[in-house]
Amino acid sequence: MAIANAQARLNERRATEVEVIATVERGVTFPTQSSRTGFRCNFPFNAEWNGKFYTTKKVEAIAV
């Protein structure tokens, strides 16, 4: 069930599994609530999303 939920979240945010893996492997880390670790990385996007054009996409992943 957790994998299906994670895949659904990727789809709704237009992120790919490859981008999330790259974010965890080489992104900037930051602290989050509940003693978790966050990872953040920017990727080229150059596309429209929700009616607005973006040149970059910020992907954030939270690890338990």
N, C-alpha and C. Protein backbone atom coordinates (compact mmCIF):
# COMPACT_ATOMS: atom_id res chain seq x y z
N MET A 1 0.81 -1.19 0.00
CA MET A 1 0.00 0.00 0.00
C MET A 1 0.86 1.26 0.00
N ALA A 2 1.96 1.26 0.76
CA ALA A 2 2.83 2.44 0.82
C ALA A 2 3.46 2.74 -0.53
N ILE A 3 3.81 1.71 -1.28
CA ILE A 3 4.41 1.92 -2.60
C ILE A 3 3.40 2.54 -3.54
N ALA A 4 2.16 2.08 -3.52
CA ALA A 4 1.12 2.64 -4.38
C ALA A 4 0.87 4.11 -4.02
N ASN A 5 0.89 4.43 -2.73
CA ASN A 5 0.69 5.81 -2.30
C ASN A 5 1.86 6.68 -2.75
N ALA A 6 3.07 6.18 -2.63
CA ALA A 6 4.24 6.94 -3.06
C ALA A 6 4.21 7.18 -4.57
N GLN A 7 3.81 6.17 -5.33
CA GLN A 7 3.72 6.32 -6.78
C GLN A 7 2.66 7.35 -7.16
N ALA A 8 1.54 7.33 -6.47
CA ALA A 8 0.48 8.31 -6.73
C ALA A 8 0.97 9.73 -6.44
N ARG A 9 1.74 9.89 -5.36
CA ARG A 9 2.27 11.22 -5.02
C ARG A 9 3.28 11.69 -6.08
N LEU A 10 4.09 10.78 -6.59
CA LEU A 10 5.01 11.13 -7.68
C LEU A 10 4.24 11.64 -8.89
N ASN A 11 3.20 10.93 -9.25
CA ASN A 11 2.42 11.31 -10.43
C ASN A 11 1.74 12.66 -10.27
N GLU A 12 1.15 12.92 -9.12
CA GLU A 12 0.45 14.19 -8.93
C GLU A 12 1.41 15.37 -8.86
N ARG A 13 2.66 15.11 -8.50
CA ARG A 13 3.67 16.18 -8.41
C ARG A 13 4.57 16.26 -9.64
N ARG A 14 4.32 15.39 -10.60
CA ARG A 14 5.10 15.34 -11.84
C ARG A 14 6.58 15.11 -11.59
N ALA A 15 6.89 14.31 -10.60
CA ALA A 15 8.28 13.91 -10.33
C ALA A 15 8.44 12.46 -10.77
N THR A 16 9.67 12.11 -11.07
CA THR A 16 9.93 10.73 -11.47
C THR A 16 10.69 10.01 -10.37
N GLU A 17 10.66 8.69 -10.43
CA GLU A 17 11.40 7.89 -9.46
C GLU A 17 12.90 8.18 -9.58
N VAL A 18 13.38 8.36 -10.80
CA VAL A 18 14.80 8.67 -11.04
C VAL A 18 15.18 9.99 -10.36
N GLU A 19 14.31 10.99 -10.45
CA GLU A 19 14.58 12.28 -9.82
C GLU A 19 14.63 12.15 -8.29
N VAL A 20 13.74 11.36 -7.73
CA VAL A 20 13.73 11.18 -6.28
C VAL A 20 15.00 10.46 -5.82
N ILE A 21 15.40 9.45 -6.54
CA ILE A 21 16.63 8.74 -6.20
C ILE A 21 17.83 9.68 -6.28
N ALA A 22 17.91 10.48 -7.34
CA ALA A 22 19.00 11.44 -7.49
C ALA A 22 18.97 12.48 -6.37
N THR A 23 17.78 12.89 -5.96
CA THR A 23 17.64 13.86 -4.88
C THR A 23 18.20 13.31 -3.58
N VAL A 24 17.91 12.06 -3.28
CA VAL A 24 18.42 11.44 -2.05
C VAL A 24 19.92 11.22 -2.14
N GLU A 25 20.40 10.83 -3.30
CA GLU A 25 21.83 10.54 -3.46
C GLU A 25 22.71 11.79 -3.46
N ARG A 26 22.24 12.89 -4.07
CA ARG A 26 23.13 14.05 -4.19
C ARG A 26 22.48 15.39 -3.84
N GLY A 27 21.29 15.35 -3.28
CA GLY A 27 20.62 16.59 -2.91
C GLY A 27 21.14 17.17 -1.60
N VAL A 28 20.69 18.36 -1.31
CA VAL A 28 21.02 19.03 -0.06
C VAL A 28 20.11 18.47 1.03
N THR A 29 20.69 18.17 2.18
CA THR A 29 19.87 17.64 3.28
C THR A 29 19.38 18.78 4.17
N PHE A 30 18.22 18.56 4.79
CA PHE A 30 17.68 19.53 5.73
C PHE A 30 16.87 18.78 6.79
N PRO A 31 16.82 19.32 8.01
CA PRO A 31 16.06 18.66 9.07
C PRO A 31 14.56 18.89 8.87
N THR A 32 13.76 17.93 9.30
CA THR A 32 12.31 18.07 9.23
C THR A 32 11.73 17.79 10.62
N GLN A 33 10.43 17.88 10.72
CA GLN A 33 9.76 17.54 11.98
C GLN A 33 9.86 16.03 12.22
N SER A 34 9.65 15.62 13.40
CA SER A 34 9.62 14.21 13.80
C SER A 34 10.94 13.49 13.55
N SER A 35 12.06 14.19 13.65
CA SER A 35 13.39 13.58 13.52
C SER A 35 13.61 12.88 12.19
N ARG A 36 13.04 13.39 11.14
CA ARG A 36 13.26 12.84 9.80
C ARG A 36 14.28 13.69 9.07
N THR A 37 14.78 13.18 7.96
CA THR A 37 15.73 13.91 7.14
C THR A 37 15.10 14.22 5.79
N GLY A 38 15.25 15.47 5.36
CA GLY A 38 14.74 15.86 4.05
C GLY A 38 15.89 16.02 3.08
N PHE A 39 15.58 15.81 1.82
CA PHE A 39 16.55 15.99 0.73
C PHE A 39 15.91 16.88 -0.31
N ARG A 40 16.68 17.81 -0.87
CA ARG A 40 16.16 18.78 -1.84
C ARG A 40 17.12 18.90 -3.00
N CYS A 41 16.57 18.94 -4.22
CA CYS A 41 17.39 19.08 -5.42
C CYS A 41 16.56 19.74 -6.52
N ASN A 42 17.19 20.58 -7.33
CA ASN A 42 16.52 21.22 -8.46
C ASN A 42 16.88 20.51 -9.76
N PHE A 43 15.88 20.43 -10.65
CA PHE A 43 16.05 19.81 -11.96
C PHE A 43 15.50 20.74 -13.03
N PRO A 44 16.08 20.70 -14.25
CA PRO A 44 15.51 21.48 -15.35
C PRO A 44 14.09 20.99 -15.63
N PHE A 45 13.19 21.91 -15.91
CA PHE A 45 11.80 21.54 -16.18
C PHE A 45 11.33 22.11 -17.52
N ASN A 46 11.40 23.43 -17.66
CA ASN A 46 11.05 24.11 -18.92
C ASN A 46 9.72 23.64 -19.49
N ALA A 47 8.70 23.69 -18.65
CA ALA A 47 7.36 23.28 -19.08
C ALA A 47 6.31 24.01 -18.24
N GLU A 48 5.09 23.90 -18.68
CA GLU A 48 3.98 24.50 -17.97
C GLU A 48 3.39 23.50 -16.98
N TRP A 49 3.01 24.00 -15.82
CA TRP A 49 2.33 23.18 -14.82
C TRP A 49 1.30 24.06 -14.12
N ASN A 50 0.08 23.59 -14.10
CA ASN A 50 -1.03 24.35 -13.51
C ASN A 50 -1.13 25.76 -14.07
N GLY A 51 -0.94 25.88 -15.38
CA GLY A 51 -1.11 27.15 -16.06
C GLY A 51 0.05 28.13 -15.94
N LYS A 52 1.17 27.70 -15.38
CA LYS A 52 2.32 28.58 -15.23
C LYS A 52 3.57 27.88 -15.76
N PHE A 53 4.45 28.63 -16.42
CA PHE A 53 5.68 28.07 -16.98
C PHE A 53 6.79 28.11 -15.93
N TYR A 54 7.49 26.99 -15.79
CA TYR A 54 8.60 26.88 -14.84
C TYR A 54 9.85 26.39 -15.57
N THR A 55 11.00 27.00 -15.25
CA THR A 55 12.25 26.55 -15.84
C THR A 55 12.91 25.45 -15.01
N THR A 56 12.62 25.43 -13.71
CA THR A 56 13.19 24.41 -12.84
C THR A 56 12.09 23.74 -12.02
N LYS A 57 12.40 22.55 -11.56
CA LYS A 57 11.50 21.79 -10.71
C LYS A 57 12.28 21.44 -9.44
N LYS A 58 11.72 21.78 -8.27
CA LYS A 58 12.35 21.43 -7.01
C LYS A 58 11.72 20.14 -6.50
N VAL A 59 12.55 19.13 -6.28
CA VAL A 59 12.07 17.86 -5.75
C VAL A 59 12.56 17.76 -4.32
N GLU A 60 11.63 17.43 -3.42
CA GLU A 60 11.97 17.19 -2.02
C GLU A 60 11.52 15.80 -1.64
N ALA A 61 12.37 15.09 -0.93
CA ALA A 61 12.04 13.75 -0.43
C ALA A 61 12.30 13.72 1.06
N ILE A 62 11.41 13.08 1.79
CA ILE A 62 11.53 12.97 3.24
C ILE A 62 11.78 11.50 3.59
N ALA A 63 12.82 11.25 4.36
CA ALA A 63 13.16 9.88 4.76
C ALA A 63 12.81 9.66 6.23
N VAL A 64 12.32 8.49 6.52
CA VAL A 64 11.98 8.13 7.89
C VAL A 64 13.22 7.68 8.62
